[in-house]
């Protein structure tokens, strides 16, 4: 029951964020390309820093890293 309540509370901020975004849409639209570029860079960082090294660990590590960027360096 506690997990359900915490999950519900964590989702309760989404309508608040949506209302703030709608109210500030005129200011957010010009900055949108920069915000999306930042989000893409953050996801690339996570992939390079976390997922690629983890795929190299384990018994069958050559399958996960067959075409990784580390093979070219």
N, C-alpha and C. Protein backbone atom coordinates (compact mmCIF):
# COMPACT_ATOMS: atom_id res chain seq x y z
N UNK A 1 0.82 -1.20 0.00
CA UNK A 1 0.00 0.00 0.00
C UNK A 1 0.87 1.26 0.00
N UNK A 2 1.98 1.20 0.74
CA UNK A 2 2.86 2.36 0.80
C UNK A 2 3.49 2.64 -0.57
N UNK A 3 3.86 1.59 -1.31
CA UNK A 3 4.42 1.77 -2.65
C UNK A 3 3.39 2.39 -3.59
N UNK A 4 2.14 1.99 -3.46
CA UNK A 4 1.08 2.57 -4.29
C UNK A 4 0.92 4.05 -4.00
N UNK A 5 0.94 4.42 -2.73
CA UNK A 5 0.80 5.83 -2.36
C UNK A 5 1.98 6.64 -2.88
N UNK A 6 3.20 6.12 -2.71
CA UNK A 6 4.37 6.84 -3.21
C UNK A 6 4.34 6.97 -4.73
N UNK A 7 3.91 5.93 -5.42
CA UNK A 7 3.79 6.00 -6.87
C UNK A 7 2.76 7.01 -7.31
N UNK A 8 1.65 7.07 -6.60
CA UNK A 8 0.61 8.04 -6.92
C UNK A 8 1.10 9.46 -6.66
N UNK A 9 1.79 9.66 -5.57
CA UNK A 9 2.31 11.00 -5.26
C UNK A 9 3.39 11.43 -6.25
N UNK A 10 4.20 10.49 -6.72
CA UNK A 10 5.23 10.86 -7.69
C UNK A 10 4.61 11.25 -9.03
N UNK A 11 3.45 10.70 -9.35
CA UNK A 11 2.76 11.08 -10.58
C UNK A 11 1.92 12.33 -10.43
N UNK A 12 1.71 12.78 -9.20
CA UNK A 12 0.87 13.96 -8.97
C UNK A 12 1.53 15.25 -9.44
N UNK A 13 2.83 15.26 -9.60
CA UNK A 13 3.51 16.48 -10.05
C UNK A 13 3.38 16.68 -11.55
N UNK A 14 3.00 15.66 -12.29
CA UNK A 14 2.91 15.80 -13.74
C UNK A 14 1.85 16.80 -14.18
N UNK A 15 0.64 16.80 -13.64
CA UNK A 15 -0.32 17.84 -14.04
C UNK A 15 0.15 19.24 -13.68
N UNK A 16 0.83 19.38 -12.55
CA UNK A 16 1.36 20.69 -12.16
C UNK A 16 2.40 21.14 -13.17
N UNK A 17 3.30 20.25 -13.56
CA UNK A 17 4.30 20.59 -14.57
C UNK A 17 3.68 20.91 -15.91
N UNK A 18 2.61 20.21 -16.27
CA UNK A 18 1.93 20.49 -17.54
C UNK A 18 1.29 21.87 -17.52
N UNK A 19 0.68 22.24 -16.42
CA UNK A 19 0.06 23.57 -16.32
C UNK A 19 1.11 24.66 -16.39
N UNK A 20 2.23 24.48 -15.70
CA UNK A 20 3.32 25.46 -15.74
C UNK A 20 3.87 25.58 -17.17
N UNK A 21 4.01 24.45 -17.84
CA UNK A 21 4.51 24.48 -19.21
C UNK A 21 3.56 25.19 -20.15
N UNK A 22 2.27 24.97 -20.00
CA UNK A 22 1.28 25.65 -20.84
C UNK A 22 1.31 27.14 -20.59
N UNK A 23 1.43 27.54 -19.33
CA UNK A 23 1.47 28.97 -19.02
C UNK A 23 2.74 29.64 -19.53
N UNK A 24 3.83 28.91 -19.56
CA UNK A 24 5.12 29.48 -19.99
C UNK A 24 5.50 29.08 -21.41
N UNK A 25 4.53 28.63 -22.21
CA UNK A 25 4.81 28.11 -23.55
C UNK A 25 5.49 29.16 -24.43
N UNK A 26 5.10 30.41 -24.30
CA UNK A 26 5.71 31.45 -25.13
C UNK A 26 7.19 31.62 -24.84
N UNK A 27 7.61 31.34 -23.63
CA UNK A 27 9.02 31.47 -23.26
C UNK A 27 9.79 30.18 -23.52
N UNK A 28 9.11 29.06 -23.49
CA UNK A 28 9.78 27.77 -23.63
C UNK A 28 10.06 27.42 -25.08
N UNK A 29 9.16 27.80 -26.00
CA UNK A 29 9.31 27.40 -27.41
C UNK A 29 10.64 27.87 -28.00
N UNK A 30 11.09 29.11 -27.78
CA UNK A 30 12.40 29.48 -28.35
C UNK A 30 13.58 28.70 -27.76
N UNK A 31 13.46 28.25 -26.54
CA UNK A 31 14.54 27.50 -25.89
C UNK A 31 14.45 26.01 -26.14
N UNK A 32 13.39 25.55 -26.80
CA UNK A 32 13.17 24.12 -26.97
C UNK A 32 14.30 23.39 -27.67
N UNK A 33 14.89 23.93 -28.76
CA UNK A 33 16.02 23.21 -29.38
C UNK A 33 17.19 23.00 -28.43
N UNK A 34 17.47 23.97 -27.59
CA UNK A 34 18.58 23.84 -26.64
C UNK A 34 18.25 22.83 -25.55
N UNK A 35 17.01 22.83 -25.09
CA UNK A 35 16.60 21.87 -24.07
C UNK A 35 16.63 20.45 -24.62
N UNK A 36 16.19 20.27 -25.86
CA UNK A 36 16.21 18.93 -26.46
C UNK A 36 17.64 18.47 -26.72
N UNK A 37 18.52 19.39 -27.13
CA UNK A 37 19.92 19.03 -27.34
C UNK A 37 20.58 18.62 -26.02
N UNK A 38 20.24 19.32 -24.94
CA UNK A 38 20.77 18.95 -23.63
C UNK A 38 20.29 17.56 -23.22
N UNK A 39 19.01 17.28 -23.45
CA UNK A 39 18.46 15.97 -23.10
C UNK A 39 19.12 14.86 -23.92
N UNK A 40 19.36 15.12 -25.20
CA UNK A 40 20.03 14.12 -26.04
C UNK A 40 21.46 13.89 -25.57
N UNK A 41 22.16 14.95 -25.21
CA UNK A 41 23.51 14.80 -24.69
C UNK A 41 23.55 14.03 -23.39
N UNK A 42 22.56 14.27 -22.54
CA UNK A 42 22.50 13.53 -21.28
C UNK A 42 22.27 12.04 -21.53
N UNK A 43 21.42 11.71 -22.49
CA UNK A 43 21.18 10.30 -22.79
C UNK A 43 22.42 9.64 -23.41
N UNK A 44 23.13 10.37 -24.26
CA UNK A 44 24.37 9.82 -24.82
C UNK A 44 25.40 9.57 -23.72
N UNK A 45 25.47 10.47 -22.77
CA UNK A 45 26.38 10.28 -21.65
C UNK A 45 26.04 9.01 -20.87
N UNK A 46 24.76 8.82 -20.60
CA UNK A 46 24.34 7.63 -19.85
C UNK A 46 24.70 6.36 -20.61
N UNK A 47 24.49 6.36 -21.92
CA UNK A 47 24.79 5.17 -22.72
C UNK A 47 26.29 4.88 -22.70
N UNK A 48 27.10 5.92 -22.93
CA UNK A 48 28.55 5.70 -23.00
C UNK A 48 29.13 5.37 -21.63
N UNK A 49 28.63 6.03 -20.60
CA UNK A 49 29.21 5.86 -19.26
C UNK A 49 28.71 4.61 -18.55
N UNK A 50 27.47 4.22 -18.77
CA UNK A 50 26.88 3.14 -18.00
C UNK A 50 26.61 1.88 -18.83
N UNK A 51 25.92 2.02 -19.93
CA UNK A 51 25.44 0.84 -20.64
C UNK A 51 26.53 0.12 -21.41
N UNK A 52 27.41 0.83 -22.09
CA UNK A 52 28.45 0.17 -22.87
C UNK A 52 29.42 -0.60 -21.97
N UNK A 53 29.92 0.01 -20.88
CA UNK A 53 30.80 -0.79 -20.01
C UNK A 53 30.11 -2.00 -19.38
N UNK A 54 28.83 -1.85 -19.03
CA UNK A 54 28.12 -2.99 -18.45
C UNK A 54 27.92 -4.10 -19.47
N UNK A 55 27.78 -3.74 -20.74
CA UNK A 55 27.60 -4.77 -21.76
C UNK A 55 28.89 -5.55 -22.00
N UNK A 56 30.03 -4.98 -21.60
CA UNK A 56 31.32 -5.66 -21.79
C UNK A 56 31.63 -6.64 -20.67
N UNK A 57 30.83 -6.63 -19.61
CA UNK A 57 31.05 -7.53 -18.49
C UNK A 57 30.27 -8.82 -18.69
N UNK A 58 30.73 -9.85 -18.11
CA UNK A 58 29.98 -11.09 -18.13
C UNK A 58 30.60 -12.15 -19.01
N UNK A 59 29.91 -13.26 -19.09
CA UNK A 59 30.42 -14.42 -19.79
C UNK A 59 30.44 -14.24 -21.31
N UNK A 60 29.40 -13.68 -21.87
CA UNK A 60 29.31 -13.49 -23.32
C UNK A 60 29.46 -12.01 -23.68
N UNK A 61 30.53 -11.40 -23.24
CA UNK A 61 30.68 -9.96 -23.40
C UNK A 61 30.93 -9.55 -24.84
N UNK A 62 31.42 -10.45 -25.68
CA UNK A 62 31.71 -10.06 -27.06
C UNK A 62 30.43 -9.83 -27.85
N UNK A 63 29.31 -10.41 -27.46
CA UNK A 63 28.05 -10.19 -28.17
C UNK A 63 27.54 -8.77 -27.98
N UNK A 64 27.65 -8.24 -26.78
CA UNK A 64 27.14 -6.91 -26.50
C UNK A 64 28.03 -5.80 -26.98
N UNK A 65 29.30 -6.08 -27.20
CA UNK A 65 30.23 -5.02 -27.59
C UNK A 65 30.78 -5.23 -29.00
N UNK A 66 30.10 -5.97 -29.81
CA UNK A 66 30.60 -6.29 -31.15
C UNK A 66 30.88 -5.03 -31.96
N UNK A 67 29.99 -4.06 -31.94
CA UNK A 67 30.18 -2.84 -32.72
C UNK A 67 30.19 -1.63 -31.83
N UNK A 68 30.72 -1.72 -30.64
CA UNK A 68 30.75 -0.57 -29.73
C UNK A 68 31.81 0.41 -30.18
N UNK A 69 31.69 1.68 -29.75
CA UNK A 69 32.69 2.68 -30.13
C UNK A 69 34.08 2.35 -29.61
N UNK A 70 34.17 1.54 -28.55
CA UNK A 70 35.48 1.24 -27.97
C UNK A 70 36.29 0.33 -28.89
N UNK A 71 35.66 -0.36 -29.84
CA UNK A 71 36.38 -1.24 -30.74
C UNK A 71 37.25 -0.47 -31.73
N UNK A 72 36.95 0.81 -31.93
CA UNK A 72 37.67 1.60 -32.92
C UNK A 72 38.83 2.36 -32.31
N UNK A 73 38.99 2.33 -30.98
CA UNK A 73 40.06 3.10 -30.34
C UNK A 73 41.19 2.22 -29.97
